[in-house]
Amino acid sequence: MEEPIKEKAIGNRRILVAEDDKINQRLFFYLLKDVADELIFADDGAEAIKRYTEDGNFGLVLMDIKMPVMDGYEATRKILGHDPAAKVVALSAYAFEHEKNKALDEGFVDYITKPVQREKLLETVEKYFEESQP
């Protein structure tokens, strides 16, 4: 029996996930593999910047706030300095409103708390992919 051909999205459905925890990386892969054209992972903020500037053309970046080498705030500032139109979503274990407000003030377009809820993650990803459709 022949495999059905999956339609690819019209927009850019490449996602960069900056997450230092390997178990969380696997979780993000599992949750996003069917909605993204391509998933690229970075283990820290410095690697995220390198991947973003070298690979480019990401429709969305999911950025952990607390990582080794360089945290998500600094990495996001540098990515936005390179590409002011970048869509970067903060990932954080902190659920306090002031933490969310700080992230939004820093240039993140959205904020998702950990542990990540599947529905919230997919809703957020689809929201920003829909915005980038022609």
Protein backbone atom coordinates (compact mmCIF):
# COMPACT_ATOMS: atom_id res chain seq x y z
CA MET A 1 0.00 0.00 0.00
CA GLU A 2 1.35 3.39 -0.98
CA GLU A 3 2.06 6.03 1.70
CA PRO A 4 -0.14 9.13 1.45
CA ILE A 5 1.71 12.29 0.52
CA LYS A 6 1.71 14.86 3.30
CA GLU A 7 1.07 18.41 2.22
CA LYS A 8 3.71 20.86 3.35
CA ALA A 9 2.66 24.17 4.80
CA ILE A 10 2.84 27.23 2.60
CA GLY A 11 4.71 29.24 5.24
CA ASN A 12 7.97 28.66 7.04
CA ARG A 13 7.41 25.90 9.59
CA ARG A 14 11.01 25.49 10.72
CA ILE A 15 11.42 25.65 14.50
CA LEU A 16 14.58 26.27 16.49
CA VAL A 17 14.31 24.86 20.02
CA ALA A 18 16.89 26.16 22.51
CA GLU A 19 16.71 23.74 25.45
CA ASP A 20 19.59 22.34 27.49
CA ASP A 21 17.74 19.35 28.95
CA LYS A 22 17.91 16.30 26.65
CA ILE A 23 14.67 14.83 28.02
CA ASN A 24 12.86 18.09 27.28
CA GLN A 25 14.40 18.08 23.78
CA ARG A 26 12.89 14.65 23.19
CA LEU A 27 9.55 15.86 24.51
CA PHE A 28 9.58 18.86 22.16
CA PHE A 29 10.51 16.61 19.26
CA TYR A 30 7.63 14.28 20.03
CA LEU A 31 5.13 17.14 20.46
CA LEU A 32 6.21 19.14 17.39
CA LYS A 33 7.33 16.57 14.81
CA ASP A 34 3.95 16.55 13.07
CA VAL A 35 3.47 20.33 12.93
CA ALA A 36 6.95 21.45 11.89
CA ASP A 37 8.71 21.00 8.57
CA GLU A 38 12.00 20.86 10.44
CA LEU A 39 13.11 20.94 14.09
CA ILE A 40 16.60 22.14 15.00
CA PHE A 41 17.85 21.90 18.58
CA ALA A 42 20.41 24.00 20.45
CA ASP A 43 21.82 23.06 23.86
CA ASP A 44 22.37 26.64 25.07
CA GLY A 45 21.86 30.27 24.13
CA ALA A 46 25.19 30.64 22.35
CA GLU A 47 24.45 27.65 20.14
CA ALA A 48 20.96 29.03 19.46
CA ILE A 49 22.45 32.29 18.17
CA LYS A 50 24.89 30.40 15.98
CA ARG A 51 22.17 28.19 14.53
CA TYR A 52 19.84 31.14 13.97
CA THR A 53 22.43 33.29 12.23
CA GLU A 54 23.93 30.44 10.17
CA ASP A 55 20.85 28.35 9.37
CA GLY A 56 18.42 31.28 9.40
CA ASN A 57 14.91 31.26 8.03
CA PHE A 58 13.21 29.94 11.17
CA GLY A 59 9.50 30.56 11.46
CA LEU A 60 9.68 30.29 15.25
CA VAL A 61 12.19 29.98 18.08
CA LEU A 62 11.32 28.29 21.38
CA MET A 63 13.83 29.60 23.91
CA ASP A 64 14.42 28.23 27.39
CA ILE A 65 15.14 31.10 29.77
CA LYS A 66 17.59 29.32 32.07
CA MET A 67 20.44 27.62 30.20
CA PRO A 68 24.19 27.22 30.64
CA VAL A 69 26.76 29.27 28.70
CA MET A 70 24.21 31.98 27.79
CA ASP A 71 20.69 32.41 29.13
CA GLY A 72 17.59 32.84 26.98
CA TYR A 73 17.30 36.57 27.62
CA GLU A 74 20.75 37.37 26.27
CA ALA A 75 20.37 34.94 23.36
CA THR A 76 17.04 36.50 22.42
CA ARG A 77 18.47 40.03 22.51
CA LYS A 78 21.21 38.92 20.12
CA ILE A 79 18.81 37.09 17.80
CA LEU A 80 16.53 40.14 17.70
CA GLY A 81 19.58 42.32 17.03
CA HIS A 82 20.33 40.13 14.02
CA ASP A 83 16.67 39.81 12.94
CA PRO A 84 14.19 42.22 14.58
CA ALA A 85 11.28 40.28 13.03
CA ALA A 86 12.25 36.98 14.74
CA LYS A 87 9.46 35.30 16.68
CA VAL A 88 10.90 34.00 19.94
CA VAL A 89 8.71 32.29 22.54
CA ALA A 90 10.03 32.05 26.11
CA LEU A 91 10.01 28.68 27.89
CA SER A 92 10.27 28.89 31.66
CA ALA A 93 9.52 27.01 34.86
CA TYR A 94 8.53 30.34 36.41
CA ALA A 95 4.78 30.89 36.31
CA PHE A 96 4.73 34.28 38.03
CA GLU A 97 3.10 37.15 36.14
CA HIS A 98 6.13 39.43 36.66
CA GLU A 99 8.37 36.81 34.98
CA LYS A 100 6.05 36.68 31.98
CA ASN A 101 5.95 40.48 31.80
CA LYS A 102 9.76 40.66 31.98
CA ALA A 103 10.05 38.22 29.07
CA LEU A 104 7.55 40.15 26.95
CA ASP A 105 9.36 43.40 27.76
CA GLU A 106 12.63 41.77 26.60
CA GLY A 107 11.16 41.08 23.15
CA PHE A 108 9.73 37.57 23.44
CA VAL A 109 6.43 37.31 21.54
CA ASP A 110 4.91 34.82 24.00
CA TYR A 111 5.57 32.85 27.19
CA ILE A 112 5.00 29.16 27.91
CA THR A 113 5.49 27.69 31.36
CA LYS A 114 7.02 24.32 32.13
CA PRO A 115 6.00 21.62 32.46
CA VAL A 116 4.76 22.29 28.95
CA GLN A 117 1.14 21.46 28.26
CA ARG A 118 0.72 19.92 24.81
CA GLU A 119 -2.38 21.94 23.92
CA LYS A 120 -0.82 25.26 24.94
CA LEU A 121 2.37 24.51 23.00
CA LEU A 122 0.55 23.51 19.81
CA GLU A 123 -1.85 26.46 20.09
CA THR A 124 1.08 28.87 20.45
CA VAL A 125 3.04 27.35 17.56
CA GLU A 126 0.03 27.43 15.25
CA LYS A 127 -0.72 31.03 16.25
CA TYR A 128 2.67 32.24 15.05
CA PHE A 129 2.72 30.04 11.96
CA GLU A 130 -0.70 31.41 10.93
CA GLU A 131 0.60 34.98 11.36
CA SER A 132 3.43 34.27 8.92
CA GLN A 133 1.16 32.91 6.17
CA PRO A 134 1.01 35.09 3.05
